[in-house]
Amino acid sequence: MRTSKEKYIKPHKSVYFILLIILILGICAGACLLVFFDIDSPAQLDILHHNFIFTGSVNVSNLFVKNIKYPLILFCVLFICGFSAVLQPLELGTIFLHGVSCGLSASYYYSYFGLRGVFIALLLILPFFVAKSILLIAAARYSLRLSQFINRILLSGVVDDANDEVIIKEYSIGYFILMLIMALVCLLQSFAVSALRGIL
């Protein structure tokens, strides 16, 4: 018989598929947003494109702060949502919003810069978007698993303080590691944008 911890740890591949579908839907929605928004000033819509549309200084430190701001917000939202089954739709919403950032940014560069914009998207958006997506989907999976685990405890009324403490600790450590990797991805993105923005 499986313990509650084993049930928590075992992944469900279908969830990754669902999260991927939501991400793709977000990309499609983001690509369609140019029909409704005239993005002459991209900085005003950074909440949607998550600074994948690069504006302002090309200084690495400034770029890093911009690049990590929204992924960090999404991570914090996902982390908190993991403690409540009621907030599961919000967990899915963060993945959708991340997809919107890519779709909006790629379509912006193509619309305003043509073929040059395609190269910008391929070099400076796509690789880092994929890396960030993998990390955010992993984080969302962590959150969904924990919220489902907590929901089972509430429904069953069975509480194991020692086991629950271990699970929360593993959850927090897992998120910390994912955030460190995300910071590294954002730093690499900042160096890439700083080095290539003047060339493209």
C-alpha atoms as a PDB file:
ATOM      1  CA  MET A   1       0.000   0.000   0.000  1.00  0.00           C
ATOM      2  CA  ARG A   2       1.348   3.430  -0.939  1.00  0.00           C
ATOM      3  CA  THR A   3       1.958   6.040   1.676  1.00  0.00           C
ATOM      4  CA  SER A   4       0.661   9.571   1.296  1.00  0.00           C
ATOM      5  CA  LYS A   5       4.202  10.690   0.539  1.00  0.00           C
ATOM      6  CA  GLU A   6       4.561   8.194  -2.297  1.00  0.00           C
ATOM      7  CA  LYS A   7       1.265   9.385  -3.781  1.00  0.00           C
ATOM      8  CA  TYR A   8       2.526  12.952  -3.561  1.00  0.00           C
ATOM      9  CA  ILE A   9       5.860  12.238  -5.203  1.00  0.00           C
ATOM     10  CA  LYS A  10       4.627  10.112  -8.125  1.00  0.00           C
ATOM     11  CA  PRO A  11       4.248  12.331 -11.227  1.00  0.00           C
ATOM     12  CA  HIS A  12       1.299  12.206 -13.588  1.00  0.00           C
ATOM     13  CA  LYS A  13       2.459  12.690 -17.177  1.00  0.00           C
ATOM     14  CA  SER A  14      -0.987  13.861 -18.271  1.00  0.00           C
ATOM     15  CA  VAL A  15      -0.568  16.995 -16.156  1.00  0.00           C
ATOM     16  CA  TYR A  16       2.546  17.984 -18.103  1.00  0.00           C
ATOM     17  CA  PHE A  17       0.571  17.544 -21.323  1.00  0.00           C
ATOM     18  CA  ILE A  18      -2.257  19.737 -20.011  1.00  0.00           C
ATOM     19  CA  LEU A  19       0.204  22.438 -18.916  1.00  0.00           C
ATOM     20  CA  LEU A  20       1.860  22.316 -22.337  1.00  0.00           C
ATOM     21  CA  ILE A  21      -1.509  22.761 -24.060  1.00  0.00           C
ATOM     22  CA  ILE A  22      -2.270  25.759 -21.824  1.00  0.00           C
ATOM     23  CA  LEU A  23       1.142  27.229 -22.680  1.00  0.00           C
ATOM     24  CA  ILE A  24       0.473  26.837 -26.419  1.00  0.00           C
ATOM     25  CA  LEU A  25      -2.961  28.440 -26.042  1.00  0.00           C
ATOM     26  CA  GLY A  26      -1.255  31.363 -24.295  1.00  0.00           C
ATOM     27  CA  ILE A  27       1.206  31.719 -27.178  1.00  0.00           C
ATOM     28  CA  CYS A  28      -1.668  31.810 -29.674  1.00  0.00           C
ATOM     29  CA  ALA A  29      -3.563  34.352 -27.569  1.00  0.00           C
ATOM     30  CA  GLY A  30      -0.450  36.533 -27.287  1.00  0.00           C
ATOM     31  CA  ALA A  31       0.085  36.448 -31.042  1.00  0.00           C
ATOM     32  CA  CYS A  32      -3.503  37.650 -31.548  1.00  0.00           C
ATOM     33  CA  LEU A  33      -3.149  40.559 -29.116  1.00  0.00           C
ATOM     34  CA  LEU A  34      -1.477  42.759 -31.729  1.00  0.00           C
ATOM     35  CA  VAL A  35      -4.878  42.962 -33.402  1.00  0.00           C
ATOM     36  CA  PHE A  36      -6.259  44.702 -30.302  1.00  0.00           C
ATOM     37  CA  PHE A  37      -3.215  46.659 -29.091  1.00  0.00           C
ATOM     38  CA  ASP A  38      -1.123  49.198 -30.944  1.00  0.00           C
ATOM     39  CA  ILE A  39       2.242  48.566 -29.308  1.00  0.00           C
ATOM     40  CA  ASP A  40       4.097  51.735 -30.237  1.00  0.00           C
ATOM     41  CA  SER A  41       5.401  51.882 -26.661  1.00  0.00           C
ATOM     42  CA  PRO A  42       6.213  48.280 -25.613  1.00  0.00           C
ATOM     43  CA  ALA A  43       7.306  49.322 -22.120  1.00  0.00           C
ATOM     44  CA  GLN A  44       3.671  50.111 -21.280  1.00  0.00           C
ATOM     45  CA  LEU A  45       2.719  46.457 -21.845  1.00  0.00           C
ATOM     46  CA  ASP A  46       5.659  44.744 -20.139  1.00  0.00           C
ATOM     47  CA  ILE A  47       3.169  42.961 -17.855  1.00  0.00           C
ATOM     48  CA  LEU A  48       2.099  41.035 -20.973  1.00  0.00           C
ATOM     49  CA  HIS A  49       5.374  40.557 -22.845  1.00  0.00           C
ATOM     50  CA  HIS A  50       7.516  40.082 -19.682  1.00  0.00           C
ATOM     51  CA  ASN A  51      10.334  42.169 -21.167  1.00  0.00           C
ATOM     52  CA  PHE A  52      10.866  39.791 -24.082  1.00  0.00           C
ATOM     53  CA  ILE A  53      10.396  43.015 -26.071  1.00  0.00           C
ATOM     54  CA  PHE A  54      13.626  44.730 -25.153  1.00  0.00           C
ATOM     55  CA  THR A  55      13.494  48.448 -24.373  1.00  0.00           C
ATOM     56  CA  GLY A  56      15.796  50.892 -22.655  1.00  0.00           C
ATOM     57  CA  SER A  57      19.318  50.170 -21.420  1.00  0.00           C
ATOM     58  CA  VAL A  58      21.390  47.223 -22.676  1.00  0.00           C
ATOM     59  CA  ASN A  59      23.424  47.182 -19.481  1.00  0.00           C
ATOM     60  CA  VAL A  60      23.610  43.574 -18.249  1.00  0.00           C
ATOM     61  CA  SER A  61      22.605  44.378 -14.671  1.00  0.00           C
ATOM     62  CA  ASN A  62      19.578  46.424 -15.775  1.00  0.00           C
ATOM     63  CA  LEU A  63      18.537  43.733 -18.226  1.00  0.00           C
ATOM     64  CA  PHE A  64      18.875  41.058 -15.555  1.00  0.00           C
ATOM     65  CA  VAL A  65      16.556  42.937 -13.190  1.00  0.00           C
ATOM     66  CA  LYS A  66      13.984  43.307 -15.968  1.00  0.00           C
ATOM     67  CA  ASN A  67      14.315  39.724 -17.155  1.00  0.00           C
ATOM     68  CA  ILE A  68      13.924  38.134 -13.742  1.00  0.00           C
ATOM     69  CA  LYS A  69      11.110  40.362 -12.458  1.00  0.00           C
ATOM     70  CA  TYR A  70       8.134  38.597 -14.019  1.00  0.00           C
ATOM     71  CA  PRO A  71       9.430  35.008 -13.761  1.00  0.00           C
ATOM     72  CA  LEU A  72      10.031  35.696 -10.062  1.00  0.00           C
ATOM     73  CA  ILE A  73       6.471  36.996  -9.658  1.00  0.00           C
ATOM     74  CA  LEU A  74       5.089  33.904 -11.409  1.00  0.00           C
ATOM     75  CA  PHE A  75       7.212  31.651  -9.201  1.00  0.00           C
ATOM     76  CA  CYS A  76       5.914  33.354  -6.051  1.00  0.00           C
ATOM     77  CA  VAL A  77       2.306  33.023  -7.245  1.00  0.00           C
ATOM     78  CA  LEU A  78       2.793  29.323  -8.019  1.00  0.00           C
ATOM     79  CA  PHE A  79       4.516  28.684  -4.691  1.00  0.00           C
ATOM     80  CA  ILE A  80       1.680  30.248  -2.696  1.00  0.00           C
ATOM     81  CA  CYS A  81      -1.005  28.542  -4.794  1.00  0.00           C
ATOM     82  CA  GLY A  82       0.463  25.168  -3.906  1.00  0.00           C
ATOM     83  CA  PHE A  83      -0.948  25.511  -0.388  1.00  0.00           C
ATOM     84  CA  SER A  84      -4.562  25.757  -1.583  1.00  0.00           C
ATOM     85  CA  ALA A  85      -6.584  23.478  -3.860  1.00  0.00           C
ATOM     86  CA  VAL A  86      -8.961  26.394  -4.517  1.00  0.00           C
ATOM     87  CA  LEU A  87      -6.188  28.328  -6.277  1.00  0.00           C
ATOM     88  CA  GLN A  88      -5.385  25.636  -8.858  1.00  0.00           C
ATOM     89  CA  PRO A  89      -6.969  27.666 -11.722  1.00  0.00           C
ATOM     90  CA  LEU A  90      -4.550  30.483 -10.887  1.00  0.00           C
ATOM     91  CA  GLU A  91      -1.650  28.052 -11.239  1.00  0.00           C
ATOM     92  CA  LEU A  92      -2.836  27.239 -14.747  1.00  0.00           C
ATOM     93  CA  GLY A  93      -3.312  30.947 -15.429  1.00  0.00           C
ATOM     94  CA  THR A  94       0.354  31.689 -14.737  1.00  0.00           C
ATOM     95  CA  ILE A  95       1.403  29.230 -17.439  1.00  0.00           C
ATOM     96  CA  PHE A  96      -1.103  30.780 -19.849  1.00  0.00           C
ATOM     97  CA  LEU A  97       0.226  34.278 -19.104  1.00  0.00           C
ATOM     98  CA  HIS A  98       3.787  33.099 -19.720  1.00  0.00           C
ATOM     99  CA  GLY A  99       2.684  31.782 -23.109  1.00  0.00           C
ATOM    100  CA  VAL A 100       1.090  35.135 -23.898  1.00  0.00           C
ATOM    101  CA  SER A 101       4.463  36.833 -23.326  1.00  0.00           C
ATOM    102  CA  CYS A 102       6.107  34.763 -26.059  1.00  0.00           C
ATOM    103  CA  GLY A 103       3.286  35.015 -28.584  1.00  0.00           C
ATOM    104  CA  LEU A 104       2.974  38.784 -28.152  1.00  0.00           C
ATOM    105  CA  SER A 105       6.727  39.393 -28.333  1.00  0.00           C
ATOM    106  CA  ALA A 106       7.367  37.198 -31.378  1.00  0.00           C
ATOM    107  CA  SER A 107       4.451  38.680 -33.319  1.00  0.00           C
ATOM    108  CA  TYR A 108       5.579  42.194 -32.351  1.00  0.00           C
ATOM    109  CA  TYR A 109       9.076  41.671 -33.750  1.00  0.00           C
ATOM    110  CA  TYR A 110       7.735  40.081 -36.932  1.00  0.00           C
ATOM    111  CA  SER A 111       5.147  42.840 -37.469  1.00  0.00           C
ATOM    112  CA  TYR A 112       7.550  45.715 -36.901  1.00  0.00           C
ATOM    113  CA  PHE A 113      10.852  44.322 -38.234  1.00  0.00           C
ATOM    114  CA  GLY A 114       9.875  41.632 -40.746  1.00  0.00           C
ATOM    115  CA  LEU A 115      12.579  39.030 -41.445  1.00  0.00           C
ATOM    116  CA  ARG A 116      14.969  40.738 -39.051  1.00  0.00           C
ATOM    117  CA  GLY A 117      12.336  40.341 -36.357  1.00  0.00           C
ATOM    118  CA  VAL A 118      12.197  36.593 -37.039  1.00  0.00           C
ATOM    119  CA  PHE A 119      15.945  36.343 -36.377  1.00  0.00           C
ATOM    120  CA  ILE A 120      15.553  38.365 -33.173  1.00  0.00           C
ATOM    121  CA  ALA A 121      12.803  36.042 -31.995  1.00  0.00           C
ATOM    122  CA  LEU A 122      14.805  32.914 -32.846  1.00  0.00           C
ATOM    123  CA  LEU A 123      17.992  34.100 -31.138  1.00  0.00           C
ATOM    124  CA  LEU A 124      16.833  36.198 -28.203  1.00  0.00           C
ATOM    125  CA  ILE A 125      13.313  34.998 -27.377  1.00  0.00           C
ATOM    126  CA  LEU A 126      12.737  31.359 -28.282  1.00  0.00           C
ATOM    127  CA  PRO A 127      15.705  29.674 -26.505  1.00  0.00           C
ATOM    128  CA  PHE A 128      15.120  31.514 -23.233  1.00  0.00           C
ATOM    129  CA  PHE A 129      11.350  31.212 -23.455  1.00  0.00           C
ATOM    130  CA  VAL A 130      11.675  27.423 -23.794  1.00  0.00           C
ATOM    131  CA  ALA A 131      14.051  27.243 -20.817  1.00  0.00           C
ATOM    132  CA  LYS A 132      11.776  29.422 -18.669  1.00  0.00           C
ATOM    133  CA  SER A 133       8.725  27.432 -19.753  1.00  0.00           C
ATOM    134  CA  ILE A 134      10.301  24.154 -18.644  1.00  0.00           C
ATOM    135  CA  LEU A 135      11.085  25.640 -15.236  1.00  0.00           C
ATOM    136  CA  LEU A 136       7.639  27.213 -14.791  1.00  0.00           C
ATOM    137  CA  ILE A 137       5.848  24.028 -15.845  1.00  0.00           C
ATOM    138  CA  ALA A 138       7.949  22.073 -13.361  1.00  0.00           C
ATOM    139  CA  ALA A 139       7.045  24.613 -10.676  1.00  0.00           C
ATOM    140  CA  ALA A 140       3.348  24.450 -11.596  1.00  0.00           C
ATOM    141  CA  ARG A 141       3.504  20.663 -11.353  1.00  0.00           C
ATOM    142  CA  TYR A 142       5.018  20.972  -7.863  1.00  0.00           C
ATOM    143  CA  SER A 143       2.188  23.300  -6.859  1.00  0.00           C
ATOM    144  CA  LEU A 144      -0.572  21.150  -8.310  1.00  0.00           C
ATOM    145  CA  ARG A 145       0.792  18.067  -6.571  1.00  0.00           C
ATOM    146  CA  LEU A 146       1.003  19.802  -3.212  1.00  0.00           C
ATOM    147  CA  SER A 147      -2.459  21.348  -3.480  1.00  0.00           C
ATOM    148  CA  GLN A 148      -3.915  17.947  -4.404  1.00  0.00           C
ATOM    149  CA  PHE A 149      -2.095  16.373  -1.471  1.00  0.00           C
ATOM    150  CA  ILE A 150      -3.453  18.994   0.935  1.00  0.00           C
ATOM    151  CA  ASN A 151      -6.931  18.501  -0.509  1.00  0.00           C
ATOM    152  CA  ARG A 152      -6.723  14.752   0.170  1.00  0.00           C
ATOM    153  CA  ILE A 153      -5.696  15.429   3.762  1.00  0.00           C
ATOM    154  CA  LEU A 154      -8.642  17.779   4.269  1.00  0.00           C
ATOM    155  CA  LEU A 155     -11.081  15.285   2.774  1.00  0.00           C
ATOM    156  CA  SER A 156      -9.715  12.258   4.636  1.00  0.00           C
ATOM    157  CA  GLY A 157      -9.044  14.018   7.929  1.00  0.00           C
ATOM    158  CA  VAL A 158      -5.804  12.024   8.315  1.00  0.00           C
ATOM    159  CA  VAL A 159      -2.847  14.170   9.378  1.00  0.00           C
ATOM    160  CA  ASP A 160       0.755  13.015   9.695  1.00  0.00           C
ATOM    161  CA  ASP A 161       2.728  15.972  11.033  1.00  0.00           C
ATOM    162  CA  ALA A 162       6.158  14.385  10.502  1.00  0.00           C
ATOM    163  CA  ASN A 163       5.387  13.312   6.929  1.00  0.00           C
ATOM    164  CA  ASP A 164       3.720  16.626   6.100  1.00  0.00           C
ATOM    165  CA  GLU A 165       6.743  18.548   7.356  1.00  0.00           C
ATOM    166  CA  VAL A 166       9.054  16.534   5.101  1.00  0.00           C
ATOM    167  CA  ILE A 167       6.828  17.179   2.079  1.00  0.00           C
ATOM    168  CA  ILE A 168       6.692  20.941   2.728  1.00  0.00           C
ATOM    169  CA  LYS A 169      10.479  20.983   3.114  1.00  0.00           C
ATOM    170  CA  GLU A 170      10.977  19.114  -0.162  1.00  0.00           C
ATOM    171  CA  TYR A 171       8.501  21.467  -1.840  1.00  0.00           C
ATOM    172  CA  SER A 172      10.385  24.554  -0.642  1.00  0.00           C
ATOM    173  CA  ILE A 173      13.808  23.155  -1.590  1.00  0.00           C
ATOM    174  CA  GLY A 174      12.515  22.166  -5.026  1.00  0.00           C
ATOM    175  CA  TYR A 175      11.231  25.686  -5.633  1.00  0.00           C
ATOM    176  CA  PHE A 176      14.482  27.230  -4.426  1.00  0.00           C
ATOM    177  CA  ILE A 177      16.489  25.120  -6.884  1.00  0.00           C
ATOM    178  CA  LEU A 178      14.145  25.997  -9.756  1.00  0.00           C
ATOM    179  CA  MET A 179      14.433  29.696  -8.922  1.00  0.00           C
ATOM    180  CA  LEU A 180      18.235  29.503  -8.915  1.00  0.00           C
ATOM    181  CA  ILE A 181      18.168  27.891 -12.354  1.00  0.00           C
ATOM    182  CA  MET A 182      15.701  30.560 -13.518  1.00  0.00           C
ATOM    183  CA  ALA A 183      18.071  33.281 -12.298  1.00  0.00           C
ATOM    184  CA  LEU A 184      20.884  31.683 -14.309  1.00  0.00           C
ATOM    185  CA  VAL A 185      18.686  31.566 -17.426  1.00  0.00           C
ATOM    186  CA  CYS A 186      17.772  35.244 -16.973  1.00  0.00           C
ATOM    187  CA  LEU A 187      21.449  36.145 -16.540  1.00  0.00           C
ATOM    188  CA  LEU A 188      22.397  34.315 -19.744  1.00  0.00           C
ATOM    189  CA  GLN A 189      19.530  36.055 -21.524  1.00  0.00           C
ATOM    190  CA  SER A 190      20.798  39.416 -20.296  1.00  0.00           C
ATOM    191  CA  PHE A 191      24.309  38.740 -21.644  1.00  0.00           C
ATOM    192  CA  ALA A 192      22.871  37.572 -24.972  1.00  0.00           C
ATOM    193  CA  VAL A 193      20.653  40.622 -25.391  1.00  0.00           C
ATOM    194  CA  SER A 194      23.475  42.982 -24.399  1.00  0.00           C
ATOM    195  CA  ALA A 195      25.860  41.366 -26.877  1.00  0.00           C
ATOM    196  CA  LEU A 196      23.519  40.860 -29.836  1.00  0.00           C
ATOM    197  CA  ARG A 197      20.990  43.682 -29.649  1.00  0.00           C
ATOM    198  CA  GLY A 198      23.233  46.151 -31.472  1.00  0.00           C
ATOM    199  CA  ILE A 199      24.042  43.608 -34.191  1.00  0.00           C
ATOM    200  CA  LEU A 200      20.525  42.422 -35.053  1.00  0.00           C
END
